[in-house]
Amino acid sequence: MNEGKLRERMDRGERAAALLRNELLQESFSYLEDQFIRAWRESGVADTENRERVYQLLQALTAVRGHIESVVTDGKIAKSSLEGLK
């Protein structure tokens, strides 16, 4: 991979890391996760449709967080590769 692409991946990783350090974003992830879990716990036995919707929302939230974390990891790998080029 060329140096320009590595620098781009490293920059994306640094921006993703900044997102994960962002207090408001972390608060939002925590708040939504708590709300989804509460809705699941409070759902009625026969309310399978609502539980399924809440489960899908929780999975989507987890996927967003996981994607940001993978961009951070990719940036760290790119940084390491750049250091190896020097």
C-alpha atoms as a PDB file:
ATOM      1  CA  MET A   1       0.000   0.000   0.000  1.00  0.00           C
ATOM      2  CA  ASN A   2       1.328   3.437  -0.829  1.00  0.00           C
ATOM      3  CA  GLU A   3       2.215   6.057   1.750  1.00  0.00           C
ATOM      4  CA  GLY A   4      -0.714   8.323   0.849  1.00  0.00           C
ATOM      5  CA  LYS A   5      -3.277   5.583   1.489  1.00  0.00           C
ATOM      6  CA  LEU A   6      -1.581   4.662   4.755  1.00  0.00           C
ATOM      7  CA  ARG A   7      -1.668   8.282   5.902  1.00  0.00           C
ATOM      8  CA  GLU A   8      -5.351   8.489   4.972  1.00  0.00           C
ATOM      9  CA  ARG A   9      -6.140   5.346   6.993  1.00  0.00           C
ATOM     10  CA  MET A  10      -4.081   6.655   9.912  1.00  0.00           C
ATOM     11  CA  ASP A  11      -5.964   9.968   9.820  1.00  0.00           C
ATOM     12  CA  ARG A  12      -9.326   8.191   9.747  1.00  0.00           C
ATOM     13  CA  GLY A  13      -8.204   6.109  12.711  1.00  0.00           C
ATOM     14  CA  GLU A  14      -7.252   9.200  14.680  1.00  0.00           C
ATOM     15  CA  ARG A  15     -10.606  10.826  13.927  1.00  0.00           C
ATOM     16  CA  ALA A  16     -12.418   7.644  14.953  1.00  0.00           C
ATOM     17  CA  ALA A  17     -10.413   7.538  18.191  1.00  0.00           C
ATOM     18  CA  ALA A  18     -11.435  11.137  18.848  1.00  0.00           C
ATOM     19  CA  LEU A  19     -15.068  10.095  18.413  1.00  0.00           C
ATOM     20  CA  LEU A  20     -14.648   7.333  20.962  1.00  0.00           C
ATOM     21  CA  ARG A  21     -13.125   9.827  23.397  1.00  0.00           C
ATOM     22  CA  ASN A  22     -16.007  12.242  22.825  1.00  0.00           C
ATOM     23  CA  GLU A  23     -18.000  12.431  26.035  1.00  0.00           C
ATOM     24  CA  LEU A  24     -21.296  13.262  24.333  1.00  0.00           C
ATOM     25  CA  LEU A  25     -21.021  10.358  21.899  1.00  0.00           C
ATOM     26  CA  GLN A  26     -20.165   7.942  24.714  1.00  0.00           C
ATOM     27  CA  GLU A  27     -23.067   9.289  26.751  1.00  0.00           C
ATOM     28  CA  SER A  28     -25.344   8.759  23.742  1.00  0.00           C
ATOM     29  CA  PHE A  29     -24.195   5.159  23.264  1.00  0.00           C
ATOM     30  CA  SER A  30     -24.716   4.422  26.963  1.00  0.00           C
ATOM     31  CA  TYR A  31     -28.082   6.143  27.109  1.00  0.00           C
ATOM     32  CA  LEU A  32     -29.429   4.335  24.051  1.00  0.00           C
ATOM     33  CA  GLU A  33     -28.116   0.987  25.212  1.00  0.00           C
ATOM     34  CA  ASP A  34     -29.780   1.498  28.616  1.00  0.00           C
ATOM     35  CA  GLN A  35     -33.062   2.536  26.966  1.00  0.00           C
ATOM     36  CA  PHE A  36     -33.076  -0.487  24.653  1.00  0.00           C
ATOM     37  CA  ILE A  37     -32.336  -2.900  27.493  1.00  0.00           C
ATOM     38  CA  ARG A  38     -34.994  -1.290  29.680  1.00  0.00           C
ATOM     39  CA  ALA A  39     -37.564  -1.571  26.874  1.00  0.00           C
ATOM     40  CA  TRP A  40     -36.662  -5.238  26.429  1.00  0.00           C
ATOM     41  CA  ARG A  41     -36.980  -5.954  30.164  1.00  0.00           C
ATOM     42  CA  GLU A  42     -40.292  -4.147  30.436  1.00  0.00           C
ATOM     43  CA  SER A  43     -41.845  -5.807  27.393  1.00  0.00           C
ATOM     44  CA  GLY A  44     -44.727  -8.164  27.910  1.00  0.00           C
ATOM     45  CA  VAL A  45     -44.413 -11.899  27.393  1.00  0.00           C
ATOM     46  CA  ALA A  46     -46.553 -11.785  24.244  1.00  0.00           C
ATOM     47  CA  ASP A  47     -44.831  -8.682  22.835  1.00  0.00           C
ATOM     48  CA  THR A  48     -42.349 -10.541  20.657  1.00  0.00           C
ATOM     49  CA  GLU A  49     -42.554  -7.963  17.859  1.00  0.00           C
ATOM     50  CA  ASN A  50     -41.429  -5.143  20.162  1.00  0.00           C
ATOM     51  CA  ARG A  51     -38.656  -7.268  21.692  1.00  0.00           C
ATOM     52  CA  GLU A  52     -37.402  -8.134  18.196  1.00  0.00           C
ATOM     53  CA  ARG A  53     -37.378  -4.436  17.231  1.00  0.00           C
ATOM     54  CA  VAL A  54     -35.478  -3.512  20.393  1.00  0.00           C
ATOM     55  CA  TYR A  55     -33.011  -6.344  19.764  1.00  0.00           C
ATOM     56  CA  GLN A  56     -32.393  -5.058  16.238  1.00  0.00           C
ATOM     57  CA  LEU A  57     -31.843  -1.534  17.551  1.00  0.00           C
ATOM     58  CA  LEU A  58     -29.335  -2.802  20.103  1.00  0.00           C
ATOM     59  CA  GLN A  59     -27.535  -4.815  17.413  1.00  0.00           C
ATOM     60  CA  ALA A  60     -27.356  -1.739  15.172  1.00  0.00           C
ATOM     61  CA  LEU A  61     -25.947   0.370  17.994  1.00  0.00           C
ATOM     62  CA  THR A  62     -23.342  -2.310  18.693  1.00  0.00           C
ATOM     63  CA  ALA A  63     -22.471  -2.440  14.984  1.00  0.00           C
ATOM     64  CA  VAL A  64     -21.923   1.331  14.829  1.00  0.00           C
ATOM     65  CA  ARG A  65     -19.632   1.247  17.858  1.00  0.00           C
ATOM     66  CA  GLY A  66     -17.809  -1.782  16.444  1.00  0.00           C
ATOM     67  CA  HIS A  67     -17.253  -0.075  13.112  1.00  0.00           C
ATOM     68  CA  ILE A  68     -15.743   2.991  14.771  1.00  0.00           C
ATOM     69  CA  GLU A  69     -13.481   0.729  16.839  1.00  0.00           C
ATOM     70  CA  SER A  70     -12.376  -1.150  13.708  1.00  0.00           C
ATOM     71  CA  VAL A  71     -11.462   2.144  12.010  1.00  0.00           C
ATOM     72  CA  VAL A  72      -9.313   2.972  15.062  1.00  0.00           C
ATOM     73  CA  THR A  73      -7.580  -0.396  14.791  1.00  0.00           C
ATOM     74  CA  ASP A  74      -7.054   0.041  11.058  1.00  0.00           C
ATOM     75  CA  GLY A  75      -5.492   3.451  11.729  1.00  0.00           C
ATOM     76  CA  LYS A  76      -3.099   1.956  14.264  1.00  0.00           C
ATOM     77  CA  ILE A  77      -2.057  -0.696  11.753  1.00  0.00           C
ATOM     78  CA  ALA A  78      -1.534   1.984   9.102  1.00  0.00           C
ATOM     79  CA  LYS A  79       0.561   4.030  11.530  1.00  0.00           C
ATOM     80  CA  SER A  80       2.700   0.997  12.300  1.00  0.00           C
ATOM     81  CA  SER A  81       3.135   0.319   8.588  1.00  0.00           C
ATOM     82  CA  LEU A  82       4.154   3.926   7.982  1.00  0.00           C
ATOM     83  CA  GLU A  83       6.744   3.722  10.744  1.00  0.00           C
ATOM     84  CA  GLY A  84       8.071   0.580   9.073  1.00  0.00           C
ATOM     85  CA  LEU A  85       8.570   2.510   5.828  1.00  0.00           C
ATOM     86  CA  LYS A  86      10.916   4.979   7.488  1.00  0.00           C
END
